[in-house]
Amino acid sequence: LTFASFAIALLADILTKWLITDVVMRPPRDMEVTPFFNLTLGFNTGVSFGMFSDVFAGRPLLLAGLMMAIAAALLVWALR
């Protein structure tokens, strides 16, 4: 049951991202919903809410390495 739920959630995530990036939001990547509300496609290139995007721009392996080090440290801490 858990794996099936995970697989369904993963497929739904992939499908909705594909729909938005390739089907719904074709260039110029803006969609007017109402006269006062527009949807604009944007990508988060930093950490949370784009923080430190200038530090990690062009260095995705640095961010991945930092996240793995933090996860490993938390795992070691939790096991002790």
Protein backbone atom coordinates (compact mmCIF):
# COMPACT_ATOMS: atom_id res chain seq x y z
CA LEU A 1 0.00 0.00 0.00
CA THR A 2 2.80 2.44 0.85
CA PHE A 3 4.75 1.77 -2.34
CA ALA A 4 1.60 2.05 -4.44
CA SER A 5 0.76 5.39 -2.82
CA PHE A 6 4.29 6.61 -3.44
CA ALA A 7 4.19 5.50 -7.09
CA ILE A 8 0.82 7.18 -7.68
CA ALA A 9 2.02 10.41 -6.07
CA LEU A 10 5.25 10.35 -8.09
CA LEU A 11 3.40 9.76 -11.36
CA ALA A 12 0.89 12.52 -10.55
CA ASP A 13 3.77 14.90 -9.80
CA ILE A 14 5.59 14.09 -13.04
CA LEU A 15 2.38 14.31 -15.08
CA THR A 16 1.31 17.68 -13.67
CA LYS A 17 4.78 19.16 -14.16
CA TRP A 18 4.82 17.93 -17.76
CA LEU A 19 1.35 19.34 -18.39
CA ILE A 20 2.28 22.77 -17.04
CA THR A 21 5.69 23.10 -18.69
CA ASP A 22 4.94 21.55 -22.10
CA VAL A 23 1.18 21.80 -22.70
CA VAL A 24 -0.49 24.58 -20.72
CA MET A 25 2.23 27.23 -20.29
CA ARG A 26 3.71 27.52 -23.77
CA PRO A 27 5.91 30.59 -24.32
CA PRO A 28 5.71 33.39 -23.24
CA ARG A 29 4.88 31.38 -20.09
CA ASP A 30 2.13 33.75 -18.90
CA MET A 31 -1.55 32.87 -18.68
CA GLU A 32 -4.28 35.34 -17.82
CA VAL A 33 -6.81 33.68 -15.52
CA THR A 34 -8.84 36.79 -14.65
CA PRO A 35 -8.24 40.49 -15.36
CA PHE A 36 -6.44 40.79 -12.00
CA PHE A 37 -4.81 37.34 -11.69
CA ASN A 38 -2.15 35.89 -14.01
CA LEU A 39 -0.15 32.68 -13.79
CA THR A 40 3.54 33.05 -14.65
CA LEU A 41 5.86 30.07 -14.90
CA GLY A 42 9.07 30.43 -12.90
CA PHE A 43 11.80 28.11 -11.68
CA ASN A 44 13.43 28.04 -8.25
CA THR A 45 17.18 27.99 -8.82
CA GLY A 46 18.16 28.41 -5.19
CA VAL A 47 17.31 26.70 -1.94
CA SER A 48 14.00 27.58 -0.27
CA PHE A 49 12.18 30.38 -2.08
CA GLY A 50 15.26 31.05 -4.23
CA MET A 51 17.53 31.89 -1.29
CA PHE A 52 21.26 31.73 -2.09
CA SER A 53 20.55 31.40 -5.82
CA ASP A 54 23.56 33.61 -6.56
CA VAL A 55 25.83 31.31 -4.51
CA PHE A 56 24.70 28.06 -6.14
CA ALA A 57 24.11 29.39 -9.67
CA GLY A 58 26.02 27.19 -12.08
CA ARG A 59 27.14 24.88 -9.26
CA PRO A 60 24.32 22.39 -8.68
CA LEU A 61 26.74 19.72 -7.44
CA LEU A 62 27.83 22.01 -4.61
CA LEU A 63 24.22 22.30 -3.43
CA ALA A 64 23.66 18.54 -3.83
CA GLY A 65 26.84 17.78 -1.87
CA LEU A 66 25.86 20.17 0.91
CA MET A 67 22.40 18.59 1.18
CA MET A 68 23.88 15.07 1.30
CA ALA A 69 26.34 16.11 4.01
CA ILE A 70 23.53 17.59 6.10
CA ALA A 71 21.39 14.48 5.61
CA ALA A 72 24.30 12.21 6.60
CA ALA A 73 24.99 14.29 9.71
CA LEU A 74 21.33 14.14 10.71
CA LEU A 75 21.25 10.40 10.15
CA VAL A 76 24.33 9.86 12.32
CA TRP A 77 22.86 12.12 15.00
CA ALA A 78 19.51 10.28 14.91
CA LEU A 79 21.16 6.85 15.19
CA ARG A 80 23.12 7.86 18.27
